[in-house]
Protein backbone atom coordinates (compact mmCIF):
# COMPACT_ATOMS: atom_id res chain seq x y z
CA MET A 1 77.21 19.95 191.16
CA ASN A 2 78.71 20.63 194.58
CA ARG A 3 80.41 24.04 194.40
CA THR A 4 81.70 23.96 197.98
CA PHE A 5 85.47 24.35 198.00
CA ASN A 6 87.57 21.81 199.88
CA TYR A 7 91.35 22.36 199.89
CA ASP A 8 92.26 18.75 200.64
CA LEU A 9 90.11 17.41 197.81
CA ALA A 10 91.07 20.17 195.35
CA PHE A 11 94.78 19.34 195.63
CA SER A 12 94.51 15.65 196.51
CA ARG A 13 96.10 14.59 193.22
CA ASN A 14 99.34 16.24 194.36
CA ILE A 15 99.55 13.58 197.07
CA GLY A 16 101.96 10.85 196.09
CA TRP A 17 104.51 13.32 194.77
CA VAL A 18 104.18 15.15 198.08
CA THR A 19 102.93 13.76 201.38
CA GLU A 20 99.85 15.00 203.20
CA THR A 21 102.15 16.69 205.70
CA GLU A 22 104.11 18.42 202.92
CA GLN A 23 100.89 19.60 201.26
CA THR A 24 99.88 21.18 204.56
CA LEU A 25 103.25 22.93 204.70
CA LEU A 26 102.80 24.31 201.18
CA ARG A 27 99.38 25.63 202.16
CA ASP A 28 101.01 27.88 204.74
CA LYS A 29 103.82 29.21 202.51
CA LYS A 30 103.89 32.71 201.03
CA ILE A 31 105.40 33.45 197.62
CA ALA A 32 105.99 36.88 196.07
CA ILE A 33 105.77 37.21 192.29
CA ALA A 34 106.77 40.44 190.55
CA GLY A 35 105.43 40.67 187.01
CA LEU A 36 102.37 38.77 185.78
CA GLY A 37 103.00 38.68 182.05
CA GLY A 38 104.54 35.92 179.96
CA VAL A 39 105.99 33.88 182.79
CA GLY A 40 104.64 35.52 185.95
CA GLY A 41 101.00 34.74 185.25
CA SER A 42 101.82 31.11 184.47
CA HIS A 43 103.87 30.92 187.67
CA LEU A 44 100.93 32.13 189.73
CA ILE A 45 98.54 29.56 188.24
CA THR A 46 101.01 26.67 188.58
CA LEU A 47 101.91 27.55 192.17
CA THR A 48 98.24 27.97 193.07
CA ARG A 49 97.54 24.48 191.70
CA LEU A 50 100.49 23.20 193.72
CA GLY A 51 98.54 24.33 196.77
CA ILE A 52 100.55 27.38 197.86
CA GLY A 53 98.23 29.33 200.15
CA LYS A 54 99.58 32.89 200.21
CA PHE A 55 100.84 35.31 197.56
CA HIS A 56 102.05 38.84 197.07
CA ILE A 57 101.71 39.74 193.38
CA SER A 58 102.65 42.87 191.49
CA ASP A 59 102.19 44.29 188.01
CA LEU A 60 101.40 47.78 186.70
CA ASP A 61 100.33 46.81 183.18
CA ILE A 62 97.10 45.90 181.38
CA PHE A 63 96.41 43.05 178.96
CA GLU A 64 96.80 43.83 175.25
CA LEU A 65 96.43 41.86 172.01
CA ALA A 66 100.20 41.49 171.73
CA ASN A 67 100.10 39.38 174.93
CA PHE A 68 97.85 36.68 173.44
CA ASN A 69 100.59 34.34 172.20
CA ARG A 70 101.97 33.57 175.66
CA GLN A 71 100.34 35.19 178.72
CA ALA A 72 98.10 33.15 181.01
CA GLY A 73 95.49 35.87 181.55
CA ALA A 74 95.44 37.26 178.01
CA SER A 75 92.01 36.87 176.37
CA ILE A 76 89.33 38.95 174.69
CA SER A 77 87.38 39.27 177.94
CA HIS A 78 90.46 40.59 179.74
CA LEU A 79 91.59 43.18 177.19
CA GLU A 80 92.66 46.48 178.77
CA LYS A 81 92.11 45.11 182.26
CA PRO A 82 94.87 45.27 184.90
CA LYS A 83 96.95 42.12 184.87
CA VAL A 84 97.24 42.06 188.65
CA GLU A 85 93.46 42.04 189.13
CA VAL A 86 92.77 39.52 186.37
CA MET A 87 95.39 37.10 187.65
CA LYS A 88 94.23 37.50 191.23
CA GLN A 89 90.73 36.49 190.19
CA LEU A 90 91.96 33.53 188.14
CA ALA A 91 93.94 32.29 191.13
CA LEU A 92 90.99 32.77 193.48
CA ASP A 93 88.80 30.80 191.06
CA ILE A 94 91.17 27.87 191.67
CA ASN A 95 91.52 28.39 195.42
CA PRO A 96 89.01 30.84 196.94
CA GLU A 97 90.78 30.49 200.29
CA LEU A 98 93.96 32.13 199.01
CA GLU A 99 95.50 34.99 200.94
CA ILE A 100 96.60 37.21 198.06
CA SER A 101 97.79 40.81 198.24
CA THR A 102 98.23 42.93 195.13
CA PHE A 103 100.77 45.64 194.30
CA PRO A 104 99.28 47.42 191.25
CA ALA A 105 101.97 50.09 191.12
CA GLY A 106 104.71 47.52 190.58
CA VAL A 107 107.64 47.03 192.93
CA HIS A 108 109.88 49.93 193.92
CA ASP A 109 111.93 51.29 196.82
CA GLU A 110 108.87 52.58 198.66
CA ASN A 111 106.96 49.28 198.79
CA ILE A 112 109.67 46.61 198.71
CA ASP A 113 109.42 46.02 202.47
CA ALA A 114 105.69 45.34 202.24
CA PHE A 115 106.11 43.25 199.09
CA LEU A 116 108.60 40.91 200.78
CA ASP A 117 107.02 40.92 204.24
CA GLY A 118 106.76 37.34 205.52
CA VAL A 119 107.70 35.89 202.13
CA ASP A 120 109.29 32.42 201.94
CA LEU A 121 110.31 32.61 198.27
CA TYR A 122 110.55 35.25 195.54
CA VAL A 123 109.71 34.29 191.95
CA ASP A 124 110.83 36.66 189.21
CA GLY A 125 108.23 37.32 186.52
CA LEU A 126 109.38 40.80 185.53
CA ASP A 127 109.71 41.81 181.90
CA PHE A 128 113.20 41.16 180.53
CA PHE A 129 113.79 44.91 180.24
CA ALA A 130 112.63 45.85 183.79
CA LEU A 131 116.14 46.44 185.05
CA THR A 132 115.51 48.79 187.97
CA ALA A 133 112.71 46.78 189.56
CA ARG A 134 114.60 43.51 189.13
CA ARG A 135 117.72 44.93 190.74
CA ILE A 136 115.72 46.29 193.70
CA VAL A 137 113.93 43.02 194.38
CA PHE A 138 116.93 40.70 194.08
CA ALA A 139 119.06 42.96 196.27
CA ALA A 140 116.31 43.07 198.90
CA CYS A 141 115.97 39.28 198.81
CA ALA A 142 119.71 38.88 199.38
CA GLU A 143 119.57 41.26 202.34
CA ARG A 144 116.63 39.37 203.87
CA ASN A 145 117.93 35.84 203.13
CA ILE A 146 114.94 35.08 200.91
CA PRO A 147 115.54 32.49 198.16
CA ALA A 148 114.99 34.09 194.74
CA ILE A 149 114.50 32.28 191.43
CA THR A 150 114.17 33.33 187.81
CA ALA A 151 113.19 31.30 184.76
CA ALA A 152 113.75 32.90 181.37
CA PRO A 153 111.60 31.84 178.37
CA LEU A 154 114.24 31.57 175.66
CA GLY A 155 113.18 30.27 172.25
CA MET A 156 111.35 27.03 172.98
CA GLY A 157 113.06 26.34 176.26
CA VAL A 158 113.78 27.59 179.75
CA SER A 159 116.94 28.89 181.34
CA PHE A 160 116.81 28.80 185.12
CA LEU A 161 118.82 30.50 187.87
CA CYS A 162 118.43 30.13 191.62
CA PHE A 163 119.90 32.50 194.19
CA MET A 164 119.99 30.93 197.63
CA PRO A 165 120.79 32.66 200.96
CA GLY A 166 124.51 32.57 201.72
CA LYS A 167 125.48 31.75 198.15
CA MET A 168 126.25 33.87 195.07
CA THR A 169 123.89 36.83 194.75
CA PHE A 170 122.20 38.24 191.67
CA GLU A 171 124.62 41.18 191.53
CA GLU A 172 127.67 38.96 192.02
CA TYR A 173 126.52 36.82 189.11
CA PHE A 174 125.32 39.44 186.62
CA GLN A 175 127.57 42.37 187.71
CA TRP A 176 125.34 45.27 186.68
CA GLU A 177 126.84 47.86 189.03
CA GLY A 178 128.07 50.93 187.12
CA GLN A 179 127.03 49.61 183.70
CA THR A 180 124.89 51.31 181.07
CA GLU A 181 121.37 50.08 180.41
CA THR A 182 122.42 48.38 177.18
CA GLU A 183 125.35 46.67 178.86
CA GLN A 184 123.11 45.49 181.71
CA LEU A 185 120.71 43.97 179.19
CA LEU A 186 123.56 42.21 177.39
CA ARG A 187 124.92 40.88 180.68
CA PHE A 188 121.47 39.72 181.67
CA LEU A 189 121.00 37.83 178.41
CA VAL A 190 124.42 36.17 178.49
CA GLY A 191 124.12 35.40 182.19
CA LEU A 192 120.69 33.84 181.74
CA SER A 193 121.76 31.81 178.75
CA PRO A 194 125.43 30.81 178.96
CA THR A 195 124.95 28.14 176.26
CA ALA A 196 122.72 30.25 173.96
CA LEU A 197 121.01 27.07 172.72
CA GLN A 198 118.05 29.06 171.42
CA MET A 199 120.08 31.24 169.08
CA THR A 200 120.80 28.39 166.66
CA TYR A 201 117.17 28.22 165.48
CA LEU A 202 116.09 31.87 165.63
CA ALA A 203 114.19 32.19 162.34
CA ASP A 204 114.34 36.00 162.02
CA ASP A 205 117.00 37.76 164.06
CA SER A 206 115.60 41.17 163.09
CA ARG A 207 112.87 40.51 165.68
CA LEU A 208 115.47 40.50 168.47
CA ASP A 209 115.99 44.20 169.10
CA ILE A 210 117.61 44.82 172.49
CA ALA A 211 118.11 48.52 171.85
CA ASN A 212 114.35 49.05 171.39
CA HIS A 213 113.27 46.59 174.09
CA LYS A 214 111.69 44.06 171.74
CA GLY A 215 112.05 40.32 171.35
CA PRO A 216 110.14 37.25 170.14
CA SER A 217 108.52 34.72 172.47
CA THR A 218 106.68 31.39 172.46
CA PRO A 219 103.92 29.95 174.67
CA MET A 220 105.88 26.72 175.06
CA ALA A 221 108.78 28.50 176.72
CA CYS A 222 106.50 30.24 179.22
CA ASP A 223 104.87 26.94 180.19
CA LEU A 224 108.26 25.26 180.58
CA CYS A 225 109.33 28.14 182.85
CA ALA A 226 106.29 27.61 185.06
CA GLY A 227 107.10 23.91 185.34
CA MET A 228 110.67 24.65 186.39
CA VAL A 229 109.61 27.31 188.88
CA GLY A 230 106.92 25.09 190.39
CA THR A 231 109.40 22.25 190.84
CA TYR A 232 112.03 24.45 192.47
CA ALA A 233 109.45 26.12 194.67
CA LEU A 234 108.51 22.67 195.94
CA LYS A 235 112.14 21.71 196.56
CA ILE A 236 113.06 24.95 198.29
CA LEU A 237 109.94 25.25 200.43
CA LEU A 238 109.96 21.60 201.50
CA ASN A 239 113.76 21.39 201.79
CA ARG A 240 114.00 18.30 199.62
CA GLY A 241 115.92 17.45 196.45
CA GLU A 242 119.10 18.90 194.98
CA ILE A 243 119.16 22.66 194.48
CA VAL A 244 121.22 23.88 191.53
CA ALA A 245 122.17 27.41 192.62
CA ALA A 246 124.22 30.19 191.03
CA PRO A 247 126.89 30.21 189.70
CA LYS A 248 125.29 27.10 188.19
CA ALA A 249 122.36 27.45 185.78
CA VAL A 250 120.01 25.00 184.08
CA HIS A 251 119.04 25.40 180.43
CA PHE A 252 116.53 22.99 178.90
CA ASP A 253 115.64 23.47 175.25
CA ALA A 254 112.80 21.31 173.92
CA TYR A 255 113.54 22.25 170.31
CA LYS A 256 117.18 21.19 170.59
CA ASN A 257 116.39 18.13 172.75
CA LYS A 258 119.06 19.26 175.19
CA CYS A 259 119.43 19.99 178.87
CA VAL A 260 122.67 21.61 180.03
CA ILE A 261 123.84 22.55 183.51
CA THR A 262 126.47 25.26 183.30
CA TRP A 263 128.95 26.37 185.96
CA ARG A 264 130.32 29.89 185.75
CA PRO A 265 132.47 30.74 188.77
CA GLY A 266 132.76 34.51 188.92
CA GLY A 267 129.49 34.96 187.04
CA ASN A 268 129.84 37.35 184.13
CA SER A 269 133.53 37.89 184.88
CA ASN A 270 134.16 34.25 183.96
CA PRO A 271 136.26 34.01 180.75
CA LEU A 272 133.53 32.04 178.97
CA GLN A 273 130.98 34.70 179.84
CA GLN A 274 133.34 37.46 178.76
CA LEU A 275 133.73 35.74 175.40
CA GLY A 276 129.95 35.48 175.03
CA LEU A 277 129.56 39.15 175.89
CA LEU A 278 132.21 40.14 173.36
CA MET A 279 130.48 38.17 170.61
CA LEU A 280 127.07 39.64 171.49
CA ARG A 281 128.41 43.20 171.55
CA ARG A 282 129.92 42.71 168.11
CA LYS A 283 126.66 41.30 166.78
CA ILE A 284 124.67 44.24 168.14
CA GLN A 285 127.18 46.72 166.73
CA ALA A 286 127.01 45.07 163.32
CA LYS A 287 123.19 45.36 163.32
CA LEU A 288 123.47 49.04 164.19
CA GLY A 289 125.86 49.54 161.29
């Protein structure tokens, strides 16, 4: 077997859906991914197979048994190993020519400039509860006019938001400023999932525990997120196809056989969002007794 790597041959089956010229453009693009767990690891693998040539990746965690149901790098051989190093190696095994820089201490105020240096697109893979890091990165992307996308694995579907330069920002949509941690989490959930399609088939709602930073997940949702992110990365980086940007969101739920595009002018101050927040607060309060 010939083990010599050849970029053009390795990604030749992309051609047809992209042109040779577009594939060359993707090879020169740089994407930053913060978080390499449930969705972030799948994003990295999908985008590497798309032929993206440069990455900045960050994660400060290690792989554990509880990651096995959904995370791309989670396996017996990778137990207790740093996610950022495992995922880097998996990506390099696909494309050994990758330019890939790691940020093993996560993303914070001190390294955000380096993390976003020369980046064409930011892909959010942070844990749902990583409020501070998420706020730092999205704010920095808005300041630098870097497109930023997030795909949430909800139930057996994906809810997708895109924040484009010159349009509604993350903060304008979610409105976290001055809110408590619990309120930020509630606003994040309602903002990510305006239709709440996944809540109609949640089998055991005791497993959804926002106060203690716990929630159920499925591998199908993570894979659907990677598909959505890969598609939007292609559209944004090649400047082709319609971009659904905030205050619009896309929610596809495979279990419900539904795809809904929502429009929430004003973000979480929209009356429909306020109603959703009120209902969620009451549900949380009832669980707390």
